[in-house]
Amino acid sequence: MSLEIEFANDVTNAQEKTRGSDGRLNVSSRSDNRSYYVSRDESEAFSLVWDDASSAAGDYIVYWKNTDVTGRKLILEAVGLNSTNACSFKLSTVTGTASGASITPVCLNRSQPRSASAITIEAAGTAITGLTEDLVIDHAACTAAGHEEFRLKDRLILGQDQAVAIEYEQGTTGRTWGVLFGYYE
């Protein structure tokens, strides 16, 4: 026996019907993070990994700009930070034209990968140039050979042509590396 339910679509408000099999309705509670559904359904969740062997105090070390022209926003979920030396990092929105080594965000839906609508750059031995700090979003201090995070929890949202950069704010010159997790919605 098939079960049928009629409901209003929460986007279009149109009346729709759904049927289950085996006498039960197949539904999802959407209890996972939004990034899971964006990754699964639209292949729009990405990680951006950087590695700079010689970050120096005051250097921008990684940059991510949303270049999507369809109205999708870039939501930054979290950032992992690592350093060989005790240091501080600063996350800011930035303006300007960044120059440095291009890197490619990795689509986290590896079964249906697509490319991110982005310009992404890492320092890779030479600081990223051409940027002006707009707004400071967060600071983090990292111990030597330690790990820290910017715990954004989907709250940093960038529209078209908006960008963020991470600065190696204070510390002895040395290796920094990490990852930014973001998705487009």
N, C-alpha and C. Protein backbone atom coordinates (compact mmCIF):
# COMPACT_ATOMS: atom_id res chain seq x y z
N MET A 1 0.84 -1.17 0.00
CA MET A 1 0.00 0.00 0.00
C MET A 1 0.88 1.24 0.00
N SER A 2 0.58 2.21 -0.82
CA SER A 2 1.35 3.44 -0.95
C SER A 2 0.72 4.56 -0.13
N LEU A 3 1.53 5.28 0.57
CA LEU A 3 1.09 6.42 1.37
C LEU A 3 1.29 7.69 0.55
N GLU A 4 0.33 8.60 0.54
CA GLU A 4 0.45 9.84 -0.22
C GLU A 4 0.15 11.02 0.68
N ILE A 5 1.00 12.05 0.57
CA ILE A 5 0.81 13.28 1.35
C ILE A 5 0.84 14.46 0.39
N GLU A 6 -0.07 15.40 0.60
CA GLU A 6 -0.09 16.65 -0.17
C GLU A 6 0.46 17.75 0.73
N PHE A 7 1.31 18.63 0.14
CA PHE A 7 1.93 19.69 0.92
C PHE A 7 2.19 20.90 0.04
N ALA A 8 2.44 22.04 0.68
CA ALA A 8 2.80 23.27 -0.04
C ALA A 8 4.32 23.35 -0.15
N ASN A 9 4.83 23.56 -1.36
CA ASN A 9 6.25 23.74 -1.58
C ASN A 9 6.70 24.98 -0.82
N ASP A 10 7.76 24.88 -0.02
CA ASP A 10 8.20 26.01 0.81
C ASP A 10 8.92 27.10 0.02
N VAL A 11 9.18 26.87 -1.26
CA VAL A 11 9.81 27.89 -2.09
C VAL A 11 8.78 28.57 -2.99
N THR A 12 7.96 27.75 -3.69
CA THR A 12 7.02 28.30 -4.67
C THR A 12 5.59 28.38 -4.15
N ASN A 13 5.32 27.74 -3.03
CA ASN A 13 3.99 27.66 -2.42
C ASN A 13 3.01 26.83 -3.27
N ALA A 14 3.48 26.15 -4.29
CA ALA A 14 2.64 25.29 -5.12
C ALA A 14 2.26 24.03 -4.35
N GLN A 15 1.08 23.50 -4.61
CA GLN A 15 0.66 22.26 -3.98
C GLN A 15 1.36 21.09 -4.67
N GLU A 16 1.96 20.23 -3.88
CA GLU A 16 2.67 19.07 -4.41
C GLU A 16 2.24 17.83 -3.64
N LYS A 17 2.50 16.67 -4.26
CA LYS A 17 2.19 15.39 -3.62
C LYS A 17 3.45 14.55 -3.58
N THR A 18 3.52 13.70 -2.59
CA THR A 18 4.62 12.75 -2.51
C THR A 18 4.07 11.41 -2.07
N ARG A 19 4.72 10.34 -2.54
CA ARG A 19 4.32 8.99 -2.20
C ARG A 19 5.50 8.25 -1.62
N GLY A 20 5.22 7.38 -0.71
CA GLY A 20 6.24 6.52 -0.14
C GLY A 20 6.11 5.12 -0.68
N SER A 21 7.08 4.30 -0.43
CA SER A 21 7.03 2.90 -0.84
C SER A 21 7.01 2.03 0.41
N ASP A 22 6.63 0.82 0.25
CA ASP A 22 6.60 -0.14 1.36
C ASP A 22 5.79 0.36 2.55
N GLY A 23 4.73 1.12 2.29
CA GLY A 23 3.86 1.60 3.34
C GLY A 23 4.46 2.68 4.22
N ARG A 24 5.57 3.30 3.77
CA ARG A 24 6.16 4.39 4.55
C ARG A 24 6.61 5.50 3.63
N LEU A 25 6.70 6.69 4.16
CA LEU A 25 7.10 7.87 3.40
C LEU A 25 8.60 8.08 3.55
N ASN A 26 9.29 8.29 2.45
CA ASN A 26 10.73 8.55 2.47
C ASN A 26 10.96 10.05 2.61
N VAL A 27 11.46 10.47 3.76
CA VAL A 27 11.69 11.88 4.01
C VAL A 27 13.07 12.09 4.62
N SER A 28 13.52 13.32 4.56
CA SER A 28 14.78 13.72 5.20
C SER A 28 14.46 14.82 6.18
N SER A 29 15.06 14.77 7.34
CA SER A 29 14.79 15.79 8.36
C SER A 29 15.68 17.02 8.18
N ARG A 30 16.62 16.95 7.28
CA ARG A 30 17.60 18.03 7.09
C ARG A 30 18.28 18.38 8.41
N SER A 31 18.70 17.36 9.11
CA SER A 31 19.36 17.56 10.40
C SER A 31 20.86 17.75 10.26
N ASP A 32 21.42 17.47 9.08
CA ASP A 32 22.84 17.71 8.85
C ASP A 32 23.06 19.20 8.57
N ASN A 33 24.32 19.61 8.57
CA ASN A 33 24.66 20.99 8.26
C ASN A 33 24.23 21.34 6.83
N ARG A 34 23.97 22.62 6.62
CA ARG A 34 23.57 23.08 5.28
C ARG A 34 24.62 22.70 4.24
N SER A 35 25.89 22.78 4.59
CA SER A 35 26.95 22.48 3.63
C SER A 35 26.85 21.04 3.11
N TYR A 36 26.36 20.12 3.93
CA TYR A 36 26.18 18.75 3.47
C TYR A 36 25.19 18.69 2.30
N TYR A 37 24.06 19.34 2.45
CA TYR A 37 23.02 19.31 1.42
C TYR A 37 23.48 20.08 0.17
N VAL A 38 24.19 21.19 0.36
CA VAL A 38 24.70 21.94 -0.78
C VAL A 38 25.73 21.09 -1.54
N SER A 39 26.54 20.37 -0.80
CA SER A 39 27.52 19.49 -1.44
C SER A 39 26.83 18.34 -2.16
N ARG A 40 25.93 17.67 -1.49
CA ARG A 40 25.24 16.51 -2.06
C ARG A 40 24.37 16.88 -3.25
N ASP A 41 23.57 17.93 -3.11
CA ASP A 41 22.55 18.25 -4.12
C ASP A 41 23.06 19.13 -5.25
N GLU A 42 24.04 20.00 -4.96
CA GLU A 42 24.46 20.97 -5.97
C GLU A 42 25.96 20.98 -6.26
N SER A 43 26.74 20.18 -5.57
CA SER A 43 28.20 20.15 -5.74
C SER A 43 28.82 21.54 -5.60
N GLU A 44 28.35 22.29 -4.61
CA GLU A 44 28.82 23.67 -4.43
C GLU A 44 29.52 23.89 -3.09
N ALA A 45 30.07 22.83 -2.48
CA ALA A 45 30.86 22.96 -1.25
C ALA A 45 32.33 22.70 -1.59
N PHE A 46 33.22 23.52 -1.03
CA PHE A 46 34.63 23.49 -1.42
C PHE A 46 35.55 23.62 -0.21
N SER A 47 36.76 23.08 -0.36
CA SER A 47 37.85 23.35 0.57
C SER A 47 38.95 24.05 -0.21
N LEU A 48 39.61 24.98 0.45
CA LEU A 48 40.71 25.71 -0.16
C LEU A 48 41.92 25.55 0.75
N VAL A 49 42.88 24.75 0.31
CA VAL A 49 44.07 24.44 1.11
C VAL A 49 45.22 25.33 0.66
N TRP A 50 45.93 25.90 1.66
CA TRP A 50 47.12 26.68 1.33
C TRP A 50 48.29 26.18 2.15
N ASP A 51 49.51 26.48 1.65
CA ASP A 51 50.75 26.11 2.34
C ASP A 51 51.82 27.12 1.92
N ASP A 52 52.30 27.90 2.87
CA ASP A 52 53.32 28.92 2.61
C ASP A 52 54.54 28.63 3.46
N ALA A 53 55.66 28.36 2.83
CA ALA A 53 56.89 27.97 3.54
C ALA A 53 57.54 29.12 4.29
N SER A 54 57.22 30.36 3.94
CA SER A 54 57.94 31.48 4.57
C SER A 54 57.02 32.68 4.84
N SER A 55 55.99 32.47 5.63
CA SER A 55 55.11 33.57 6.01
C SER A 55 55.85 34.51 6.95
N ALA A 56 55.72 35.80 6.69
CA ALA A 56 56.35 36.81 7.54
C ALA A 56 55.28 37.73 8.10
N ALA A 57 55.56 38.31 9.26
CA ALA A 57 54.59 39.20 9.91
C ALA A 57 54.12 40.27 8.94
N GLY A 58 52.80 40.44 8.86
CA GLY A 58 52.20 41.43 7.97
C GLY A 58 51.84 40.91 6.59
N ASP A 59 52.21 39.67 6.28
CA ASP A 59 51.90 39.08 4.97
C ASP A 59 50.47 38.58 4.90
N TYR A 60 49.80 38.85 3.76
CA TYR A 60 48.57 38.14 3.44
C TYR A 60 49.00 36.79 2.89
N ILE A 61 48.38 35.71 3.40
CA ILE A 61 48.86 34.37 3.03
C ILE A 61 47.85 33.57 2.20
N VAL A 62 46.55 33.93 2.27
CA VAL A 62 45.56 33.25 1.45
C VAL A 62 44.40 34.21 1.19
N TYR A 63 43.78 34.07 0.01
CA TYR A 63 42.75 35.01 -0.46
C TYR A 63 41.67 34.21 -1.18
N TRP A 64 40.38 34.57 -0.95
CA TRP A 64 39.26 33.92 -1.63
C TRP A 64 38.25 35.01 -1.99
N LYS A 65 37.96 35.12 -3.30
CA LYS A 65 36.99 36.09 -3.81
C LYS A 65 35.85 35.36 -4.49
N ASN A 66 34.61 35.74 -4.17
CA ASN A 66 33.43 35.18 -4.80
C ASN A 66 33.21 35.89 -6.14
N THR A 67 33.30 35.15 -7.24
CA THR A 67 33.09 35.73 -8.57
C THR A 67 31.80 35.23 -9.23
N ASP A 68 30.93 34.60 -8.45
CA ASP A 68 29.68 34.07 -9.00
C ASP A 68 28.79 35.21 -9.49
N VAL A 69 28.27 35.07 -10.72
CA VAL A 69 27.43 36.12 -11.32
C VAL A 69 25.95 35.75 -11.33
N THR A 70 25.60 34.61 -10.70
CA THR A 70 24.21 34.16 -10.71
C THR A 70 23.46 34.52 -9.43
N GLY A 71 24.09 35.24 -8.54
CA GLY A 71 23.45 35.62 -7.29
C GLY A 71 23.79 34.72 -6.11
N ARG A 72 24.58 33.67 -6.35
CA ARG A 72 24.97 32.80 -5.24
C ARG A 72 25.95 33.54 -4.32
N LYS A 73 25.77 33.32 -3.05
CA LYS A 73 26.66 33.89 -2.06
C LYS A 73 27.65 32.82 -1.62
N LEU A 74 28.85 33.24 -1.26
CA LEU A 74 29.86 32.35 -0.70
C LEU A 74 29.75 32.41 0.82
N ILE A 75 29.45 31.28 1.44
CA ILE A 75 29.34 31.20 2.89
C ILE A 75 30.58 30.49 3.40
N LEU A 76 31.35 31.18 4.24
CA LEU A 76 32.53 30.55 4.83
C LEU A 76 32.11 29.89 6.13
N GLU A 77 32.39 28.60 6.20
CA GLU A 77 31.95 27.77 7.30
C GLU A 77 32.97 27.72 8.44
N ALA A 78 34.24 27.53 8.08
CA ALA A 78 35.30 27.42 9.07
C ALA A 78 36.65 27.58 8.39
N VAL A 79 37.67 27.90 9.20
CA VAL A 79 39.03 28.03 8.70
C VAL A 79 39.96 27.35 9.70
N GLY A 80 40.80 26.44 9.21
CA GLY A 80 41.82 25.80 10.05
C GLY A 80 43.16 26.46 9.79
N LEU A 81 43.89 26.78 10.87
CA LEU A 81 45.16 27.51 10.79
C LEU A 81 46.26 26.71 11.48
N ASN A 82 47.43 26.62 10.85
CA ASN A 82 48.57 25.91 11.42
C ASN A 82 49.82 26.75 11.21
N SER A 83 50.77 26.63 12.14
CA SER A 83 52.01 27.37 12.02
C SER A 83 53.14 26.64 12.73
N THR A 84 54.34 26.72 12.17
CA THR A 84 55.50 26.15 12.86
C THR A 84 55.91 27.02 14.04
N ASN A 85 55.57 28.31 14.01
CA ASN A 85 55.94 29.25 15.07
C ASN A 85 54.71 29.78 15.79
N ALA A 86 54.88 30.20 17.03
CA ALA A 86 53.81 30.90 17.74
C ALA A 86 53.51 32.18 16.95
N CYS A 87 52.22 32.46 16.74
CA CYS A 87 51.87 33.60 15.89
C CYS A 87 50.43 34.01 16.13
N SER A 88 50.02 35.05 15.43
CA SER A 88 48.60 35.42 15.38
C SER A 88 48.20 35.60 13.93
N PHE A 89 46.95 35.26 13.66
CA PHE A 89 46.37 35.40 12.33
C PHE A 89 45.21 36.38 12.42
N LYS A 90 44.93 37.06 11.30
CA LYS A 90 43.79 37.97 11.23
C LYS A 90 43.01 37.68 9.95
N LEU A 91 41.70 37.52 10.08
CA LEU A 91 40.80 37.32 8.95
C LEU A 91 40.07 38.62 8.69
N SER A 92 40.13 39.11 7.45
CA SER A 92 39.51 40.38 7.10
C SER A 92 38.83 40.29 5.74
N THR A 93 37.81 41.13 5.55
CA THR A 93 37.34 41.36 4.19
C THR A 93 38.33 42.33 3.58
N VAL A 94 38.56 42.20 2.28
CA VAL A 94 39.56 43.02 1.60
C VAL A 94 39.03 43.52 0.26
N THR A 95 39.65 44.57 -0.22
CA THR A 95 39.38 45.09 -1.56
C THR A 95 40.70 45.14 -2.32
N GLY A 96 40.62 45.37 -3.62
CA GLY A 96 41.82 45.46 -4.44
C GLY A 96 41.94 44.25 -5.34
N THR A 97 43.02 44.22 -6.09
CA THR A 97 43.31 43.13 -7.01
C THR A 97 44.49 42.35 -6.48
N ALA A 98 44.24 41.15 -6.05
CA ALA A 98 45.27 40.32 -5.43
C ALA A 98 46.21 39.74 -6.48
N SER A 99 47.49 39.68 -6.13
CA SER A 99 48.45 38.97 -6.98
C SER A 99 49.24 38.01 -6.11
N GLY A 100 49.53 36.86 -6.66
CA GLY A 100 50.23 35.79 -5.96
C GLY A 100 50.05 34.51 -6.74
N ALA A 101 50.23 33.39 -6.10
CA ALA A 101 50.13 32.08 -6.76
C ALA A 101 48.68 31.59 -6.72
N SER A 102 48.10 31.32 -7.88
CA SER A 102 46.73 30.82 -7.95
C SER A 102 46.66 29.40 -7.38
N ILE A 103 45.57 29.14 -6.66
CA ILE A 103 45.28 27.80 -6.17
C ILE A 103 43.84 27.47 -6.53
N THR A 104 43.49 26.20 -6.48
CA THR A 104 42.16 25.77 -6.91
C THR A 104 41.38 25.18 -5.74
N PRO A 105 40.19 25.72 -5.45
CA PRO A 105 39.34 25.10 -4.44
C PRO A 105 38.94 23.69 -4.90
N VAL A 106 38.85 22.77 -3.95
CA VAL A 106 38.47 21.39 -4.25
C VAL A 106 36.99 21.21 -3.94
N CYS A 107 36.23 20.74 -4.94
CA CYS A 107 34.82 20.43 -4.74
C CYS A 107 34.73 19.21 -3.83
N LEU A 108 33.97 19.33 -2.75
CA LEU A 108 33.90 18.24 -1.78
C LEU A 108 32.95 17.11 -2.20
N ASN A 109 32.12 17.32 -3.21
CA ASN A 109 31.32 16.23 -3.76
C ASN A 109 32.16 15.61 -4.87
N ARG A 110 32.98 14.65 -4.52
CA ARG A 110 33.91 14.06 -5.48
C ARG A 110 33.19 13.16 -6.48
N SER A 111 31.93 12.80 -6.23
CA SER A 111 31.18 11.99 -7.20
C SER A 111 30.66 12.84 -8.35
N GLN A 112 30.50 14.16 -8.14
CA GLN A 112 30.03 15.08 -9.18
C GLN A 112 30.76 16.42 -9.02
N PRO A 113 32.09 16.44 -9.20
CA PRO A 113 32.83 17.68 -8.93
C PRO A 113 32.55 18.77 -9.95
N ARG A 114 32.61 20.00 -9.48
CA ARG A 114 32.51 21.16 -10.35
C ARG A 114 33.50 22.20 -9.87
N SER A 115 33.63 23.27 -10.62
CA SER A 115 34.58 24.33 -10.29
C SER A 115 33.89 25.43 -9.49
N ALA A 116 34.65 26.03 -8.59
CA ALA A 116 34.14 27.15 -7.79
C ALA A 116 34.19 28.43 -8.60
N SER A 117 33.21 29.31 -8.39
CA SER A 117 33.21 30.64 -9.00
C SER A 117 34.04 31.52 -8.09
N ALA A 118 35.35 31.51 -8.35
CA ALA A 118 36.24 32.16 -7.40
C ALA A 118 37.57 32.56 -8.03
N ILE A 119 38.20 33.53 -7.39
CA ILE A 119 39.62 33.79 -7.58
C ILE A 119 40.24 33.45 -6.23
N THR A 120 41.20 32.52 -6.23
CA THR A 120 41.82 32.06 -4.99
C THR A 120 43.34 32.07 -5.15
N ILE A 121 44.00 32.62 -4.16
CA ILE A 121 45.44 32.84 -4.25
C ILE A 121 46.08 32.50 -2.91
N GLU A 122 47.30 31.94 -2.97
CA GLU A 122 48.09 31.72 -1.76
C GLU A 122 49.42 32.44 -1.90
N ALA A 123 50.08 32.67 -0.76
CA ALA A 123 51.35 33.38 -0.77
C ALA A 123 52.45 32.54 -1.42
N ALA A 124 52.60 31.29 -1.07
CA ALA A 124 53.59 30.37 -1.65
C ALA A 124 54.99 30.97 -1.75
N GLY A 125 55.50 31.50 -0.64
CA GLY A 125 56.86 32.03 -0.61
C GLY A 125 56.95 33.53 -0.79
N THR A 126 55.97 34.14 -1.39
CA THR A 126 55.92 35.59 -1.57
C THR A 126 54.54 36.07 -1.17
N ALA A 127 54.48 37.11 -0.36
CA ALA A 127 53.19 37.61 0.15
C ALA A 127 52.26 38.00 -0.98
N ILE A 128 50.97 37.84 -0.73
CA ILE A 128 49.94 38.32 -1.66
C ILE A 128 49.94 39.84 -1.59
N THR A 129 49.94 40.50 -2.73
CA THR A 129 49.97 41.97 -2.77
C THR A 129 48.71 42.49 -3.45
N GLY A 130 48.52 43.82 -3.38
CA GLY A 130 47.43 44.49 -4.08
C GLY A 130 46.15 44.59 -3.27
N LEU A 131 46.18 44.26 -1.97
CA LEU A 131 44.97 44.24 -1.16
C LEU A 131 44.95 45.37 -0.14
N THR A 132 43.74 45.83 0.17
CA THR A 132 43.52 46.80 1.23
C THR A 132 42.50 46.20 2.19
N GLU A 133 42.85 46.20 3.47
CA GLU A 133 41.94 45.67 4.50
C GLU A 133 40.70 46.54 4.57
N ASP A 134 39.55 45.87 4.62
CA ASP A 134 38.26 46.56 4.74
C ASP A 134 37.76 46.43 6.17
N LEU A 135 37.33 45.25 6.56
CA LEU A 135 36.81 45.00 7.91
C LEU A 135 37.49 43.79 8.53
N VAL A 136 37.90 43.91 9.77
CA VAL A 136 38.46 42.77 10.50
C VAL A 136 37.30 41.90 10.98
N ILE A 137 37.36 40.61 10.68
CA ILE A 137 36.32 39.66 11.06
C ILE A 137 36.70 38.90 12.33
N ASP A 138 37.96 38.45 12.42
CA ASP A 138 38.36 37.63 13.56
C ASP A 138 39.88 37.62 13.69
N HIS A 139 40.34 37.29 14.90
CA HIS A 139 41.76 37.09 15.21
C HIS A 139 41.89 35.71 15.83
N ALA A 140 43.05 35.08 15.65
CA ALA A 140 43.34 33.80 16.31
C ALA A 140 44.82 33.75 16.62
N ALA A 141 45.15 33.22 17.80
CA ALA A 141 46.54 33.01 18.20
C ALA A 141 46.84 31.53 18.14
N CYS A 142 48.02 31.19 17.64
CA CYS A 142 48.40 29.80 17.44
C CYS A 142 49.73 29.56 18.15
N THR A 143 49.84 28.46 18.88
CA THR A 143 51.10 28.10 19.52
C THR A 143 52.05 27.52 18.48
N ALA A 144 53.34 27.42 18.83
CA ALA A 144 54.32 26.82 17.93
C ALA A 144 53.90 25.39 17.62
N ALA A 145 53.94 25.01 16.36
CA ALA A 145 53.52 23.69 15.87
C ALA A 145 52.07 23.40 16.27
N GLY A 146 51.27 24.46 16.39
CA GLY A 146 49.90 24.31 16.85
C GLY A 146 48.87 24.46 15.75
N HIS A 147 47.61 24.34 16.18
CA HIS A 147 46.46 24.46 15.29
C HIS A 147 45.42 25.34 15.98
N GLU A 148 44.81 26.21 15.20
CA GLU A 148 43.72 27.05 15.70
C GLU A 148 42.69 27.16 14.59
N GLU A 149 41.52 27.72 14.92
CA GLU A 149 40.45 27.84 13.93
C GLU A 149 39.74 29.18 14.05
N PHE A 150 39.24 29.64 12.90
CA PHE A 150 38.22 30.68 12.88
C PHE A 150 36.91 29.91 12.84
N ARG A 151 36.14 29.94 13.90
CA ARG A 151 34.89 29.17 14.00
C ARG A 151 33.73 30.04 13.51
N LEU A 152 33.52 30.06 12.22
CA LEU A 152 32.56 30.97 11.61
C LEU A 152 31.13 30.44 11.62
N LYS A 153 30.95 29.14 11.61
CA LYS A 153 29.64 28.50 11.65
C LYS A 153 28.66 29.10 10.64
N ASP A 154 29.09 29.26 9.40
CA ASP A 154 28.24 29.74 8.30
C ASP A 154 27.81 31.20 8.43
N ARG A 155 28.46 31.98 9.25
CA ARG A 155 28.00 33.35 9.48
C ARG A 155 28.69 34.38 8.57
N LEU A 156 29.82 34.05 7.97
CA LEU A 156 30.49 34.99 7.08
C LEU A 156 30.01 34.74 5.66
N ILE A 157 29.26 35.71 5.11
CA ILE A 157 28.61 35.56 3.81
C ILE A 157 29.13 36.64 2.87
N LEU A 158 29.66 36.22 1.72
CA LEU A 158 30.23 37.14 0.74
C LEU A 158 29.39 37.14 -0.53
N GLY A 159 29.00 38.32 -0.97
CA GLY A 159 28.29 38.47 -2.23
C GLY A 159 29.27 38.52 -3.40
N GLN A 160 28.73 38.75 -4.58
CA GLN A 160 29.55 38.82 -5.79
C GLN A 160 30.64 39.87 -5.64
N ASP A 161 31.86 39.49 -6.00
CA ASP A 161 33.05 40.34 -5.99
C ASP A 161 33.50 40.76 -4.60
N GLN A 162 33.01 40.11 -3.56
CA GLN A 162 33.53 40.34 -2.22
C GLN A 162 34.57 39.27 -1.91
N ALA A 163 35.56 39.66 -1.07
CA ALA A 163 36.69 38.75 -0.82
C ALA A 163 37.15 38.83 0.62
N VAL A 164 37.84 37.76 1.04
CA VAL A 164 38.49 37.71 2.34
C VAL A 164 39.95 37.33 2.14
N ALA A 165 40.77 37.71 3.12
CA ALA A 165 42.17 37.30 3.14
C ALA A 165 42.57 37.05 4.58
N ILE A 166 43.53 36.16 4.75
CA ILE A 166 44.10 35.90 6.07
C ILE A 166 45.50 36.49 6.09
N GLU A 167 45.76 37.23 7.14
CA GLU A 167 47.07 37.85 7.34
C GLU A 167 47.81 37.10 8.44
N TYR A 168 49.10 36.85 8.20
CA TYR A 168 50.00 36.36 9.25
C TYR A 168 50.38 37.61 10.04
N GLU A 169 49.60 37.89 11.05
CA GLU A 169 49.65 39.19 11.71
C GLU A 169 50.94 39.41 12.50
N GLN A 170 51.30 38.48 13.35
CA GLN A 170 52.52 38.59 14.15
C GLN A 170 53.15 37.22 14.29
N GLY A 171 54.47 37.19 14.26
CA GLY A 171 55.19 35.93 14.45
C GLY A 171 56.49 35.93 13.70
N THR A 172 57.34 34.99 14.06
CA THR A 172 58.62 34.81 13.38
C THR A 172 58.37 34.18 12.02
N THR A 173 59.15 34.58 11.02
CA THR A 173 59.00 34.01 9.68
C THR A 173 59.10 32.49 9.73
N GLY A 174 58.12 31.83 9.09
CA GLY A 174 58.10 30.38 9.07
C GLY A 174 56.92 29.86 8.29
N ARG A 175 56.78 28.56 8.31
CA ARG A 175 55.72 27.91 7.52
C ARG A 175 54.35 28.07 8.19
N THR A 176 53.34 28.39 7.35
CA THR A 176 51.94 28.37 7.75
C THR A 176 51.19 27.55 6.70
N TRP A 177 50.12 26.90 7.14
CA TRP A 177 49.29 26.14 6.22
C TRP A 177 47.91 25.96 6.85
N GLY A 178 46.95 25.62 6.02
CA GLY A 178 45.61 25.44 6.56
C GLY A 178 44.58 25.25 5.47
N VAL A 179 43.31 25.43 5.88
CA VAL A 179 42.20 25.18 4.96
C VAL A 179 41.05 26.11 5.28
N LEU A 180 40.38 26.58 4.23
CA LEU A 180 39.11 27.30 4.36
C LEU A 180 38.01 26.41 3.80
N PHE A 181 36.90 26.29 4.52
CA PHE A 181 35.75 25.53 4.05
C PHE A 181 34.63 26.52 3.73
N GLY A 182 34.09 26.44 2.52
CA GLY A 182 33.02 27.33 2.12
C GLY A 182 32.08 26.65 1.13
N TYR A 183 30.90 27.26 0.98
CA TYR A 183 29.96 26.74 0.00
C TYR A 183 29.17 27.90 -0.60
N TYR A 184 28.62 27.66 -1.80
CA TYR A 184 27.84 28.67 -2.52
C TYR A 184 26.38 28.32 -2.43
N GLU A 185 25.57 29.34 -2.10
CA GLU A 185 24.13 29.13 -2.00
C GLU A 185 23.39 30.39 -2.38
